[in-house]
């Protein structure tokens, strides 16, 4: 971020009023008259009375008097304070408190005077955001202009969710921090910030933005534009009429070329200022009420996986507002309506979809027809893009060598068709660092277009997209030695580059202060409520930072926390914290936009829990769940639900609406796995999905195995904290990512808190390696019942699954179940990040211990696998009852908590698996499955218990089988980390033969 200095002009004399200037550094009392001197001295006493942090209206120690304006005739006094007095978040009650305290210091003489305090040349009462003005009249000047909004840019016609109290029709332009950029002086590509505490700021906000903030905004109905590539898929396929063959690009009907240029691949890598959206042609046809023309784009997908899908076209006022695109994918087909009157000649994101490798029109293509409700208008078509890809903008003859999602915005914006001198090239291609931070705000302006266009030409038509606000997400530097947070800073600007205090349409730029205040307030209040009651609220700061003053719409620049402060970073690494802070950011945007247009809002619900299922007969599943209330947001109550279904070998469908907390599906095919997830819906939008449960019915047997998912944990890595050694200890416990994680760059190398920052390459305490920073870290997919179910079905048995929190509430449900499989993965007691947080994710909590004991002692059969099955009972156990449960019920004791690094489990006798059978499981980085870095060795403690598998490194006992009045197997590493499906099938077959013999 680049800071620009703005010099405020001194106030001038006028009429009969006198103005006495006051120095900001030292008051020049000699040149003041007696009244002014008295008022300045008394105002200083007032300021000092508010300069202790314990005061509810703490204003900071740098607030000073700039000038005093007295009018004896009207008995009015205007006291102008410096900018620092504006750093306080004003509310009506606090404004009243300030005036009461000031009047008390001014004394009896001025009791009847009309006194007004100013900062930023604005009365302090006017700094109260509209949304907090319970007893004050709202300021219409800072409200959004009420114009007829166009149809949303993109509508998912297959989703049937319309958040009319959310963000439907609203557009948000945002970006996450910096990115990998080219430094001409050093002639190298590098991060804009140092690698600290196993990450780098260039990736840190991204780990909030991609998995949480953007989906939350889109689930609320918003359209989100991102200044950096949003898809972490390293593969990219572009299908275009200018470069694709007849197998990939197929036209039917009457299409012709537009007069305007469009996209073509050209000859990447792209050199200086080459715009690929000016290298090719655009196709067009006339719209009709029935489909008489179509284009089909069929990619040759290099590797099966998830790909973002983007379309492009030429926008024009005479185009349709409902161009119908149908995406064919592994989950079926999804239809979109795209408003082609805006957003042309760039990449327009539709959604993420799963595709198989290769070319398959039925499960991997996009079709656009000319069928529309606007007959006679035009439809245009250009390239379609699948996946994020690798960076392909060259600097000094070479590209970054990194996936595009890691690159700075300056390069993505060139690839996305932005005009160079308006958006990203302000220094003749010599200062990429500066161009990068300047490009983000100007890109938002270009999206919106005249009269809000880029500041070098506000009349540039741009893309005509009605952007409501922009958001820059950063983290800051700074260290505290008292074990507290550096905390949250929020930056805005009420001035543009030319000192104007209004946006081009006349809206007051105080709207940006409202936005920044709401953003900071929501974040800090939520963190204090859930994580740290003393989380630091830093300044609400007016600042001439590029990302704050350049956007010609309300803009906020967030510095969430310090990436240099270890205490702050402990929170950063926890996915729960990232989810909650992201939800705070989404809520702040929702509330600001609702206030801008004077409309009510509803917050989307939290994910449902207690998901479980029943099967009254073969082929039928009854799914049940419970809603989750949000104690921080009373509007976030579900009104209905959506159930998504995935058939084995396919992807999830578009979902179906459900009014109640249960769902019945019948006629499921045998020998196929069906998976289910549930979302909660209200008028504010759709929640994140629940965990995923699976079921399968075997044609070979009526015996049904129950799978209990007890692996809920998501967490940051272990930490070590002493006076001389402090940092993240992934070698002890790497933590568990929520789905996938983007933070990790490499292990920490500097552990000394006294180690100073020297340069970005030698950043001192927290310095970390770079070997992992291009990779995505897999974690808890919340989808492991399917993995177990595949092997159970292969063994010839049916299976159902349930969440552990649901089944422990009704332990009798297992009474007649032939066999139970318990997934524990990397579940482990995880301490809270602060004193107000409880430990979570205990492997065998008292309710689960009761369930298992009750089931097994009744003659049950159970298979348990997980990394910490012993460690949590013997080392992390809260009472002696935990270790007694292990020995008396599960018949084992802990031998070692770090038992195997090589990732091998071997059978040494034929009673369970054939002698010499070796199972390879994951203990290192793998792109598809989490790393089991600390598995347990467990020894049998009963004469009827025996070791059935041993680790390859040391022959420690890896799994214990008990064959007494009940039967069970406990395994010290997670079943799902076994790398080969055939090995998982072999093991599960042996497990079930032992349990069900």
Foldseek 3Di string as FASTA:
>chain_A
DDFDDDDDDDDDDDDPKDKDFADLPHGPVVPDDPLQSLLQVLVVVLLVVQCDPVDPFRQHDSKHWGMWIADPVQLEIETEIEQSSLQTADAVVVLVVSVVSSDVSSDDVSPPHHYFYHYPNHTVVLLHAQVRCPPDDHDLLQFDDDDDQDQAQKDFPLQPFFQPQAQASAEEEEEQDFFFDAAQVVRATDDPFFFFQQFTQLCQSLQLVQPAQVVQNVLLNYFYHYLFQNFLFADKWKFWPVDDDCLFKPKFADKDWDPAAAADPPDWLAEPQDARGRVHTKIKDFADQDFRMKMKGWTQAAAWDKKWKWWAWAAACLAAQFFWKWFAAQAGIIIMGGYRNFDHRFTGTDGMGTHHHGTDRNHGMMMTTRNDPDGGGMDMGTMMMIHQHQQTHDDPHHTNRFGRNRGFSLRNVSHGRDRPCQAQDVPPSNGNPVSRQLRSQQLLQLRCAPCQHRPVHNNGRHGNRNHAEYEYETAAADEDPPLAFPFKEKEAACQAPVGDNAFPVSRGLSLLLSLSSLLLVLLLVQCCVAANVPGDRGTSRYTNGSQHRRHSHRYMYMRGGHSHYQLVVQLSQFVVSSNSSSLSNSVSVRSSNCVSVVHHHARAAAEWDQWFWDDPDPFKIKIFTGGDADPVGRRHGFQWKWKWKDKPPGDTYSTDIGRDRMDMDGDHDALIKMKMWMWGGDSSGIYDIDQMWMWHAFPQDAAEEEEEELADFAHAADWDDDQAFTGGDVLQPRGFHAAKGQGGQAAFDAGGPPFDQDDSCRGTHRRGHGPPNSAIAGGCNSHCNVLLQNLCNVLRHIYTYTYPVNCLVPLCVLQPRAEYEYFLAAQAFDDGSDPVDHTDRQRQDPSNLVSQQVQFLSAHEYEYEYQCQAVRQPPVNPDPVSQCSCCVPVQKHFDAFAFAQQQWKAFCPPPQPHHGDIFGFAQDTDRPYHHSVTWTQIQGHDPQKDQGIAYDPPRGRAKIWGDDSYTYIYGRHGLSRRDDSVVSSRNSSSSCVVRND
